[in-house]
Amino acid sequence: MGQISLTFPDGTTRVYDAGVTPATVAASIAPSLAKAAISAQVNGKHWDLAWPIHGDATISLNTLKNEAPALELIRHDLAHIMARAVQEIWPEVKVTIGPVRDQGWFYDFDREEPFTPEDLGAIEARMKQIINARDPVRTEVWPREKAVEYYRGRQEPFKLELIDRIPEGEDLRMYWH
């Protein structure tokens, strides 16, 4: 396996084995950073601590002290938790998109009836249960074919549309809570 150079925000560069993860990078700097790190930015893109880095890159490691990246990560996770809660309560509901915005996040759902205030209360309660269960967040990089097969099997047409918009050859990152 080859070597890669990672450049940090202060301009310093360190050499690592190709395939190194941000978690390993953080641990190589300081045990306290390894414990505090919640995500990374690699070449300006959000990067999970478990995702490998295969080429030379710029990297910054995010902790809860980095307010903007931490808030974006929390909002991203909450969107996924809400989608899970909705589909656990109403399995027939189809998820569309759930982007993070500057002032929060949202998720669009395809459902015959609009959500009611009572439904929102049920969603919130289920989200709290999911969060309190402390299920680990899992992320994986999948080939396009595997993701298409997965969402076809779940009859999720909107997710298939999103996959179609991703350029060929670009990694598909899958999240579970």
N, C-alpha and C. Protein backbone atom coordinates (compact mmCIF):
# COMPACT_ATOMS: atom_id res chain seq x y z
N MET A 1 0.85 -1.18 0.00
CA MET A 1 0.00 0.00 0.00
C MET A 1 0.89 1.23 0.00
N GLY A 2 0.52 2.25 -0.76
CA GLY A 2 1.32 3.45 -0.89
C GLY A 2 1.14 4.42 0.27
N GLN A 3 1.84 5.51 0.15
CA GLN A 3 1.78 6.56 1.16
C GLN A 3 1.02 7.76 0.60
N ILE A 4 0.38 8.50 1.50
CA ILE A 4 -0.31 9.73 1.12
C ILE A 4 0.14 10.85 2.05
N SER A 5 -0.01 12.08 1.58
CA SER A 5 0.29 13.26 2.40
C SER A 5 -1.01 13.94 2.77
N LEU A 6 -1.16 14.21 4.06
CA LEU A 6 -2.33 14.95 4.54
C LEU A 6 -1.87 16.30 5.04
N THR A 7 -2.53 17.35 4.56
CA THR A 7 -2.20 18.72 4.94
C THR A 7 -3.27 19.23 5.89
N PHE A 8 -2.83 19.75 7.03
CA PHE A 8 -3.72 20.22 8.08
C PHE A 8 -3.96 21.73 7.95
N PRO A 9 -4.99 22.25 8.65
CA PRO A 9 -5.33 23.68 8.51
C PRO A 9 -4.17 24.64 8.80
N ASP A 10 -3.24 24.23 9.67
CA ASP A 10 -2.11 25.12 9.98
C ASP A 10 -0.98 25.03 8.95
N GLY A 11 -1.20 24.21 7.90
CA GLY A 11 -0.22 24.09 6.83
C GLY A 11 0.76 22.94 7.00
N THR A 12 0.77 22.30 8.16
CA THR A 12 1.67 21.16 8.34
C THR A 12 1.18 19.97 7.53
N THR A 13 2.14 19.14 7.16
CA THR A 13 1.83 17.95 6.36
C THR A 13 2.39 16.73 7.09
N ARG A 14 1.60 15.67 7.09
CA ARG A 14 2.05 14.39 7.65
C ARG A 14 1.82 13.30 6.61
N VAL A 15 2.66 12.28 6.66
CA VAL A 15 2.56 11.17 5.72
C VAL A 15 1.95 9.97 6.45
N TYR A 16 0.98 9.34 5.77
CA TYR A 16 0.29 8.17 6.31
C TYR A 16 0.18 7.11 5.22
N ASP A 17 -0.14 5.89 5.63
CA ASP A 17 -0.44 4.84 4.66
C ASP A 17 -1.76 5.17 3.97
N ALA A 18 -1.84 4.93 2.67
CA ALA A 18 -3.10 5.11 1.95
C ALA A 18 -4.16 4.23 2.61
N GLY A 19 -5.36 4.76 2.72
CA GLY A 19 -6.44 4.04 3.38
C GLY A 19 -6.59 4.39 4.85
N VAL A 20 -5.74 5.29 5.34
CA VAL A 20 -5.85 5.72 6.73
C VAL A 20 -7.20 6.38 6.96
N THR A 21 -7.74 6.23 8.15
CA THR A 21 -9.01 6.87 8.49
C THR A 21 -8.74 8.12 9.31
N PRO A 22 -9.68 9.08 9.31
CA PRO A 22 -9.52 10.24 10.18
C PRO A 22 -9.38 9.86 11.66
N ALA A 23 -10.03 8.77 12.08
CA ALA A 23 -9.90 8.33 13.48
C ALA A 23 -8.45 7.98 13.79
N THR A 24 -7.79 7.29 12.87
CA THR A 24 -6.39 6.93 13.06
C THR A 24 -5.51 8.17 13.03
N VAL A 25 -5.82 9.10 12.14
CA VAL A 25 -5.07 10.35 12.08
C VAL A 25 -5.19 11.09 13.41
N ALA A 26 -6.40 11.19 13.93
CA ALA A 26 -6.62 11.88 15.21
C ALA A 26 -5.81 11.20 16.32
N ALA A 27 -5.84 9.87 16.37
CA ALA A 27 -5.11 9.14 17.40
C ALA A 27 -3.60 9.34 17.27
N SER A 28 -3.11 9.53 16.04
CA SER A 28 -1.68 9.74 15.84
C SER A 28 -1.23 11.11 16.33
N ILE A 29 -2.18 12.03 16.45
CA ILE A 29 -1.85 13.38 16.91
C ILE A 29 -1.91 13.45 18.43
N ALA A 30 -3.00 12.96 19.01
CA ALA A 30 -3.15 12.98 20.47
C ALA A 30 -4.33 12.10 20.87
N PRO A 31 -4.19 11.32 21.94
CA PRO A 31 -5.32 10.52 22.41
C PRO A 31 -6.55 11.37 22.73
N SER A 32 -6.33 12.57 23.23
CA SER A 32 -7.47 13.44 23.56
C SER A 32 -8.22 13.86 22.29
N LEU A 33 -7.49 14.08 21.20
CA LEU A 33 -8.14 14.43 19.94
C LEU A 33 -8.91 13.23 19.40
N ALA A 34 -8.35 12.04 19.53
CA ALA A 34 -9.05 10.83 19.08
C ALA A 34 -10.38 10.68 19.82
N LYS A 35 -10.38 11.01 21.09
CA LYS A 35 -11.61 10.89 21.89
C LYS A 35 -12.61 12.00 21.54
N ALA A 36 -12.12 13.19 21.25
CA ALA A 36 -13.00 14.34 21.01
C ALA A 36 -13.49 14.45 19.57
N ALA A 37 -12.79 13.86 18.63
CA ALA A 37 -13.15 14.01 17.21
C ALA A 37 -14.51 13.39 16.93
N ILE A 38 -15.33 14.13 16.16
CA ILE A 38 -16.66 13.63 15.79
C ILE A 38 -16.80 13.43 14.29
N SER A 39 -15.96 14.08 13.51
CA SER A 39 -15.99 13.95 12.06
C SER A 39 -14.76 14.65 11.51
N ALA A 40 -14.66 14.67 10.20
CA ALA A 40 -13.54 15.36 9.55
C ALA A 40 -14.05 16.06 8.30
N GLN A 41 -13.22 16.94 7.80
CA GLN A 41 -13.41 17.52 6.47
C GLN A 41 -12.20 17.06 5.67
N VAL A 42 -12.45 16.40 4.55
CA VAL A 42 -11.37 15.95 3.68
C VAL A 42 -11.61 16.58 2.31
N ASN A 43 -10.65 17.38 1.90
CA ASN A 43 -10.78 18.14 0.65
C ASN A 43 -12.09 18.92 0.62
N GLY A 44 -12.46 19.47 1.77
CA GLY A 44 -13.65 20.31 1.86
C GLY A 44 -14.97 19.57 1.98
N LYS A 45 -14.93 18.24 2.03
CA LYS A 45 -16.17 17.46 2.13
C LYS A 45 -16.27 16.81 3.50
N HIS A 46 -17.52 16.71 3.99
CA HIS A 46 -17.76 15.99 5.24
C HIS A 46 -17.21 14.57 5.10
N TRP A 47 -16.53 14.10 6.14
CA TRP A 47 -15.91 12.77 6.09
C TRP A 47 -16.11 12.09 7.43
N ASP A 48 -16.67 10.92 7.42
CA ASP A 48 -16.85 10.13 8.62
C ASP A 48 -15.48 9.70 9.15
N LEU A 49 -15.37 9.53 10.45
CA LEU A 49 -14.10 9.13 11.05
C LEU A 49 -13.64 7.75 10.59
N ALA A 50 -14.57 6.92 10.13
CA ALA A 50 -14.23 5.55 9.73
C ALA A 50 -13.95 5.40 8.23
N TRP A 51 -14.16 6.45 7.45
CA TRP A 51 -13.95 6.34 6.01
C TRP A 51 -12.47 6.44 5.68
N PRO A 52 -11.98 5.58 4.82
CA PRO A 52 -10.57 5.64 4.43
C PRO A 52 -10.28 6.81 3.50
N ILE A 53 -9.05 7.28 3.58
CA ILE A 53 -8.56 8.33 2.68
C ILE A 53 -7.50 7.67 1.80
N HIS A 54 -7.69 7.72 0.50
CA HIS A 54 -6.82 6.97 -0.40
C HIS A 54 -5.79 7.81 -1.14
N GLY A 55 -5.93 9.13 -1.09
CA GLY A 55 -4.99 9.98 -1.82
C GLY A 55 -4.60 11.20 -1.02
N ASP A 56 -3.61 11.94 -1.52
CA ASP A 56 -3.20 13.19 -0.87
C ASP A 56 -4.42 14.07 -0.68
N ALA A 57 -4.49 14.75 0.47
CA ALA A 57 -5.69 15.53 0.77
C ALA A 57 -5.39 16.59 1.82
N THR A 58 -6.31 17.56 1.88
CA THR A 58 -6.34 18.46 3.02
C THR A 58 -7.33 17.86 4.02
N ILE A 59 -7.03 18.01 5.30
CA ILE A 59 -7.89 17.42 6.32
C ILE A 59 -7.99 18.36 7.52
N SER A 60 -9.19 18.42 8.08
CA SER A 60 -9.37 19.05 9.38
C SER A 60 -10.24 18.11 10.19
N LEU A 61 -9.91 17.98 11.46
CA LEU A 61 -10.65 17.11 12.36
C LEU A 61 -11.59 17.96 13.19
N ASN A 62 -12.84 17.57 13.23
CA ASN A 62 -13.87 18.35 13.91
C ASN A 62 -14.19 17.76 15.27
N THR A 63 -14.35 18.66 16.24
CA THR A 63 -14.82 18.29 17.57
C THR A 63 -16.07 19.11 17.85
N LEU A 64 -16.69 18.88 18.97
CA LEU A 64 -17.87 19.68 19.31
C LEU A 64 -17.52 21.16 19.50
N LYS A 65 -16.24 21.46 19.67
CA LYS A 65 -15.82 22.86 19.78
C LYS A 65 -15.89 23.58 18.43
N ASN A 66 -15.86 22.81 17.33
CA ASN A 66 -15.99 23.38 15.99
C ASN A 66 -17.48 23.51 15.71
N GLU A 67 -18.07 24.61 16.09
CA GLU A 67 -19.53 24.74 16.11
C GLU A 67 -20.21 24.42 14.78
N ALA A 68 -19.76 24.98 13.68
CA ALA A 68 -20.46 24.77 12.41
C ALA A 68 -20.43 23.31 11.96
N PRO A 69 -19.26 22.65 11.91
CA PRO A 69 -19.28 21.24 11.51
C PRO A 69 -20.04 20.35 12.49
N ALA A 70 -19.93 20.64 13.78
CA ALA A 70 -20.65 19.83 14.77
C ALA A 70 -22.15 19.98 14.59
N LEU A 71 -22.60 21.21 14.40
CA LEU A 71 -24.03 21.45 14.22
C LEU A 71 -24.54 20.79 12.94
N GLU A 72 -23.75 20.86 11.87
CA GLU A 72 -24.15 20.21 10.62
C GLU A 72 -24.27 18.70 10.81
N LEU A 73 -23.32 18.10 11.52
CA LEU A 73 -23.35 16.66 11.77
C LEU A 73 -24.56 16.28 12.62
N ILE A 74 -24.84 17.05 13.65
CA ILE A 74 -26.00 16.78 14.51
C ILE A 74 -27.28 16.87 13.69
N ARG A 75 -27.40 17.90 12.89
CA ARG A 75 -28.61 18.06 12.06
C ARG A 75 -28.74 16.91 11.06
N HIS A 76 -27.64 16.51 10.46
CA HIS A 76 -27.65 15.40 9.50
C HIS A 76 -28.13 14.13 10.19
N ASP A 77 -27.58 13.85 11.37
CA ASP A 77 -27.98 12.65 12.10
C ASP A 77 -29.45 12.72 12.51
N LEU A 78 -29.91 13.89 12.94
CA LEU A 78 -31.32 14.02 13.32
C LEU A 78 -32.26 13.79 12.15
N ALA A 79 -31.86 14.24 10.97
CA ALA A 79 -32.70 13.98 9.79
C ALA A 79 -32.83 12.48 9.55
N HIS A 80 -31.73 11.76 9.67
CA HIS A 80 -31.79 10.30 9.48
C HIS A 80 -32.60 9.63 10.59
N ILE A 81 -32.45 10.12 11.81
CA ILE A 81 -33.23 9.56 12.92
C ILE A 81 -34.72 9.80 12.70
N MET A 82 -35.07 10.99 12.21
CA MET A 82 -36.48 11.27 11.95
C MET A 82 -37.02 10.36 10.85
N ALA A 83 -36.25 10.17 9.79
CA ALA A 83 -36.70 9.28 8.71
C ALA A 83 -36.91 7.86 9.24
N ARG A 84 -35.99 7.40 10.07
CA ARG A 84 -36.14 6.07 10.66
C ARG A 84 -37.40 6.00 11.51
N ALA A 85 -37.62 7.02 12.34
CA ALA A 85 -38.80 7.04 13.22
C ALA A 85 -40.08 6.99 12.40
N VAL A 86 -40.16 7.81 11.36
CA VAL A 86 -41.37 7.85 10.53
C VAL A 86 -41.61 6.48 9.90
N GLN A 87 -40.57 5.87 9.36
CA GLN A 87 -40.77 4.57 8.70
C GLN A 87 -41.02 3.43 9.69
N GLU A 88 -40.57 3.58 10.91
CA GLU A 88 -40.90 2.56 11.91
C GLU A 88 -42.37 2.67 12.32
N ILE A 89 -42.89 3.88 12.39
CA ILE A 89 -44.29 4.08 12.76
C ILE A 89 -45.21 3.77 11.57
N TRP A 90 -44.83 4.27 10.38
CA TRP A 90 -45.63 4.09 9.16
C TRP A 90 -44.74 3.49 8.08
N PRO A 91 -44.59 2.16 8.04
CA PRO A 91 -43.67 1.53 7.08
C PRO A 91 -43.97 1.82 5.61
N GLU A 92 -45.20 2.20 5.30
CA GLU A 92 -45.56 2.46 3.91
C GLU A 92 -45.08 3.83 3.41
N VAL A 93 -44.67 4.69 4.31
CA VAL A 93 -44.22 6.04 3.93
C VAL A 93 -42.87 5.93 3.21
N LYS A 94 -42.75 6.68 2.13
CA LYS A 94 -41.51 6.73 1.35
C LYS A 94 -40.75 8.00 1.70
N VAL A 95 -39.44 7.86 1.88
CA VAL A 95 -38.62 9.03 2.18
C VAL A 95 -38.10 9.62 0.88
N THR A 96 -37.98 10.93 0.86
CA THR A 96 -37.46 11.59 -0.34
C THR A 96 -36.09 12.17 -0.01
N ILE A 97 -36.01 13.44 0.36
CA ILE A 97 -34.73 14.05 0.71
C ILE A 97 -34.82 14.65 2.10
N GLY A 98 -33.68 14.78 2.74
CA GLY A 98 -33.63 15.37 4.07
C GLY A 98 -32.36 16.17 4.26
N PRO A 99 -32.24 17.29 3.56
CA PRO A 99 -31.00 18.06 3.63
C PRO A 99 -30.87 18.93 4.88
N VAL A 100 -29.62 19.19 5.21
CA VAL A 100 -29.28 20.14 6.26
C VAL A 100 -29.27 21.53 5.64
N ARG A 101 -29.83 22.48 6.36
CA ARG A 101 -29.86 23.88 5.93
C ARG A 101 -29.14 24.74 6.97
N ASP A 102 -28.88 25.99 6.63
CA ASP A 102 -28.20 26.89 7.56
C ASP A 102 -28.94 27.03 8.88
N GLN A 103 -30.26 27.01 8.83
CA GLN A 103 -31.05 27.23 10.03
C GLN A 103 -31.71 25.96 10.56
N GLY A 104 -31.29 24.80 10.09
CA GLY A 104 -31.89 23.56 10.57
C GLY A 104 -31.82 22.46 9.54
N TRP A 105 -32.87 21.67 9.47
CA TRP A 105 -32.93 20.55 8.54
C TRP A 105 -34.39 20.19 8.36
N PHE A 106 -34.66 19.39 7.34
CA PHE A 106 -36.02 18.89 7.14
C PHE A 106 -35.94 17.57 6.40
N TYR A 107 -37.05 16.89 6.32
CA TYR A 107 -37.16 15.68 5.52
C TYR A 107 -38.50 15.71 4.84
N ASP A 108 -38.52 15.42 3.55
CA ASP A 108 -39.77 15.28 2.81
C ASP A 108 -40.16 13.81 2.78
N PHE A 109 -41.46 13.57 2.92
CA PHE A 109 -41.98 12.21 2.90
C PHE A 109 -43.13 12.14 1.91
N ASP A 110 -43.29 10.98 1.30
CA ASP A 110 -44.42 10.73 0.41
C ASP A 110 -45.42 9.88 1.21
N ARG A 111 -46.57 10.51 1.50
CA ARG A 111 -47.58 9.88 2.34
C ARG A 111 -48.95 10.31 1.83
N GLU A 112 -49.91 9.40 1.87
CA GLU A 112 -51.26 9.72 1.40
C GLU A 112 -51.88 10.88 2.18
N GLU A 113 -51.80 10.84 3.49
CA GLU A 113 -52.40 11.87 4.34
C GLU A 113 -51.31 12.77 4.91
N PRO A 114 -51.61 14.05 5.09
CA PRO A 114 -50.61 14.92 5.72
C PRO A 114 -50.42 14.52 7.19
N PHE A 115 -49.26 14.85 7.72
CA PHE A 115 -49.01 14.59 9.13
C PHE A 115 -49.86 15.54 9.98
N THR A 116 -50.33 15.04 11.09
CA THR A 116 -51.13 15.82 12.03
C THR A 116 -50.25 16.21 13.23
N PRO A 117 -50.72 17.14 14.06
CA PRO A 117 -49.97 17.45 15.28
C PRO A 117 -49.75 16.20 16.15
N GLU A 118 -50.74 15.31 16.18
CA GLU A 118 -50.58 14.08 16.95
C GLU A 118 -49.48 13.20 16.35
N ASP A 119 -49.44 13.16 15.01
CA ASP A 119 -48.39 12.40 14.34
C ASP A 119 -47.01 12.95 14.70
N LEU A 120 -46.90 14.28 14.73
CA LEU A 120 -45.61 14.89 15.06
C LEU A 120 -45.18 14.52 16.47
N GLY A 121 -46.14 14.45 17.38
CA GLY A 121 -45.83 14.01 18.75
C GLY A 121 -45.33 12.58 18.78
N ALA A 122 -45.95 11.72 17.98
CA ALA A 122 -45.52 10.31 17.91
C ALA A 122 -44.13 10.20 17.30
N ILE A 123 -43.86 11.01 16.28
CA ILE A 123 -42.53 11.01 15.64
C ILE A 123 -41.48 11.45 16.65
N GLU A 124 -41.77 12.54 17.36
CA GLU A 124 -40.82 13.04 18.35
C GLU A 124 -40.55 11.99 19.43
N ALA A 125 -41.60 11.33 19.91
CA ALA A 125 -41.42 10.31 20.94
C ALA A 125 -40.56 9.15 20.43
N ARG A 126 -40.80 8.73 19.19
CA ARG A 126 -40.01 7.63 18.63
C ARG A 126 -38.56 8.06 18.42
N MET A 127 -38.36 9.31 17.98
CA MET A 127 -36.99 9.81 17.83
C MET A 127 -36.25 9.77 19.16
N LYS A 128 -36.91 10.17 20.23
CA LYS A 128 -36.28 10.14 21.56
C LYS A 128 -35.90 8.71 21.94
N GLN A 129 -36.78 7.75 21.63
CA GLN A 129 -36.47 6.35 21.93
C GLN A 129 -35.24 5.89 21.15
N ILE A 130 -35.17 6.26 19.88
CA ILE A 130 -34.03 5.87 19.04
C ILE A 130 -32.75 6.48 19.60
N ILE A 131 -32.80 7.76 19.94
CA ILE A 131 -31.62 8.44 20.48
C ILE A 131 -31.20 7.81 21.80
N ASN A 132 -32.17 7.55 22.68
CA ASN A 132 -31.86 6.99 24.00
C ASN A 132 -31.34 5.56 23.92
N ALA A 133 -31.64 4.86 22.83
CA ALA A 133 -31.12 3.50 22.65
C ALA A 133 -29.62 3.51 22.38
N ARG A 134 -29.10 4.68 22.00
CA ARG A 134 -27.67 4.86 21.74
C ARG A 134 -27.13 3.89 20.68
N ASP A 135 -27.97 3.62 19.69
CA ASP A 135 -27.51 2.80 18.57
C ASP A 135 -26.35 3.52 17.90
N PRO A 136 -25.30 2.81 17.57
CA PRO A 136 -24.18 3.49 16.90
C PRO A 136 -24.58 3.92 15.49
N VAL A 137 -24.03 5.03 15.06
CA VAL A 137 -24.22 5.47 13.68
C VAL A 137 -23.27 4.63 12.83
N ARG A 138 -23.81 4.00 11.82
CA ARG A 138 -22.98 3.21 10.92
C ARG A 138 -22.96 3.89 9.56
N THR A 139 -21.79 3.93 8.98
CA THR A 139 -21.67 4.45 7.62
C THR A 139 -20.85 3.46 6.81
N GLU A 140 -21.27 3.28 5.59
CA GLU A 140 -20.55 2.39 4.68
C GLU A 140 -20.52 3.03 3.31
N VAL A 141 -19.50 2.71 2.55
CA VAL A 141 -19.42 3.13 1.15
C VAL A 141 -19.83 1.92 0.32
N TRP A 142 -20.85 2.11 -0.52
CA TRP A 142 -21.38 1.02 -1.34
C TRP A 142 -21.17 1.30 -2.81
N PRO A 143 -20.98 0.24 -3.59
CA PRO A 143 -21.02 0.41 -5.04
C PRO A 143 -22.45 0.74 -5.47
N ARG A 144 -22.57 1.45 -6.56
CA ARG A 144 -23.88 1.88 -7.07
C ARG A 144 -24.86 0.70 -7.19
N GLU A 145 -24.40 -0.42 -7.73
CA GLU A 145 -25.30 -1.56 -7.97
C GLU A 145 -25.91 -2.07 -6.67
N LYS A 146 -25.10 -2.13 -5.62
CA LYS A 146 -25.60 -2.61 -4.33
C LYS A 146 -26.66 -1.67 -3.77
N ALA A 147 -26.42 -0.36 -3.88
CA ALA A 147 -27.38 0.62 -3.38
C ALA A 147 -28.68 0.56 -4.17
N VAL A 148 -28.58 0.43 -5.49
CA VAL A 148 -29.78 0.33 -6.33
C VAL A 148 -30.58 -0.91 -5.94
N GLU A 149 -29.91 -2.03 -5.78
CA GLU A 149 -30.59 -3.27 -5.40
C GLU A 149 -31.27 -3.12 -4.03
N TYR A 150 -30.58 -2.50 -3.10
CA TYR A 150 -31.12 -2.30 -1.75
C TYR A 150 -32.41 -1.47 -1.80
N TYR A 151 -32.37 -0.33 -2.48
CA TYR A 151 -33.55 0.54 -2.51
C TYR A 151 -34.66 0.01 -3.40
N ARG A 152 -34.33 -0.75 -4.41
CA ARG A 152 -35.38 -1.43 -5.19
C ARG A 152 -36.12 -2.41 -4.30
N GLY A 153 -35.36 -3.18 -3.53
CA GLY A 153 -35.95 -4.16 -2.62
C GLY A 153 -36.84 -3.54 -1.57
N ARG A 154 -36.52 -2.31 -1.17
CA ARG A 154 -37.32 -1.59 -0.17
C ARG A 154 -38.42 -0.75 -0.82
N GLN A 155 -38.48 -0.79 -2.14
CA GLN A 155 -39.46 -0.02 -2.91
C GLN A 155 -39.39 1.47 -2.54
N GLU A 156 -38.18 2.02 -2.67
CA GLU A 156 -37.91 3.43 -2.36
C GLU A 156 -37.55 4.16 -3.66
N PRO A 157 -38.56 4.57 -4.44
CA PRO A 157 -38.28 5.19 -5.74
C PRO A 157 -37.53 6.52 -5.64
N PHE A 158 -37.76 7.27 -4.58
CA PHE A 158 -37.10 8.57 -4.47
C PHE A 158 -35.61 8.41 -4.19
N LYS A 159 -35.25 7.40 -3.42
CA LYS A 159 -33.83 7.14 -3.19
C LYS A 159 -33.16 6.70 -4.50
N LEU A 160 -33.88 5.93 -5.31
CA LEU A 160 -33.33 5.52 -6.61
C LEU A 160 -33.11 6.74 -7.51
N GLU A 161 -34.03 7.71 -7.45
CA GLU A 161 -33.85 8.95 -8.22
C GLU A 161 -32.61 9.70 -7.75
N LEU A 162 -32.40 9.75 -6.45
CA LEU A 162 -31.22 10.43 -5.92
C LEU A 162 -29.94 9.75 -6.39
N ILE A 163 -29.94 8.42 -6.40
CA ILE A 163 -28.77 7.68 -6.87
C ILE A 163 -28.49 8.01 -8.33
N ASP A 164 -29.55 8.12 -9.14
CA ASP A 164 -29.38 8.45 -10.56
C ASP A 164 -28.70 9.80 -10.76
N ARG A 165 -28.85 10.72 -9.80
CA ARG A 165 -28.26 12.06 -9.92
C ARG A 165 -26.79 12.10 -9.51
N ILE A 166 -26.32 11.04 -8.86
CA ILE A 166 -24.93 11.00 -8.43
C ILE A 166 -24.07 10.57 -9.61
N PRO A 167 -23.01 11.31 -9.91
CA PRO A 167 -22.18 10.96 -11.07
C PRO A 167 -21.61 9.55 -10.96
N GLU A 168 -21.52 8.87 -12.10
CA GLU A 168 -20.92 7.53 -12.14
C GLU A 168 -19.51 7.61 -11.55
N GLY A 169 -19.16 6.59 -10.81
CA GLY A 169 -17.83 6.53 -10.22
C GLY A 169 -17.72 7.21 -8.86
N GLU A 170 -18.71 8.01 -8.48
CA GLU A 170 -18.67 8.66 -7.17
C GLU A 170 -19.19 7.69 -6.12
N ASP A 171 -18.52 7.69 -4.97
CA ASP A 171 -18.91 6.79 -3.88
C ASP A 171 -20.32 7.11 -3.38
N LEU A 172 -21.04 6.06 -3.00
CA LEU A 172 -22.36 6.21 -2.38
C LEU A 172 -22.20 5.89 -0.90
N ARG A 173 -22.48 6.87 -0.07
CA ARG A 173 -22.31 6.70 1.37
C ARG A 173 -23.67 6.40 2.00
N MET A 174 -23.71 5.31 2.75
CA MET A 174 -24.95 4.85 3.36
C MET A 174 -24.85 5.08 4.87
N TYR A 175 -25.95 5.56 5.46
CA TYR A 175 -26.00 5.85 6.89
C TYR A 175 -27.12 5.06 7.54
N TRP A 176 -26.83 4.54 8.74
CA TRP A 176 -27.86 3.90 9.55
C TRP A 176 -27.72 4.36 10.98
N HIS A 177 -28.87 4.50 11.64
CA HIS A 177 -28.90 4.81 13.07
C HIS A 177 -29.63 3.71 13.78
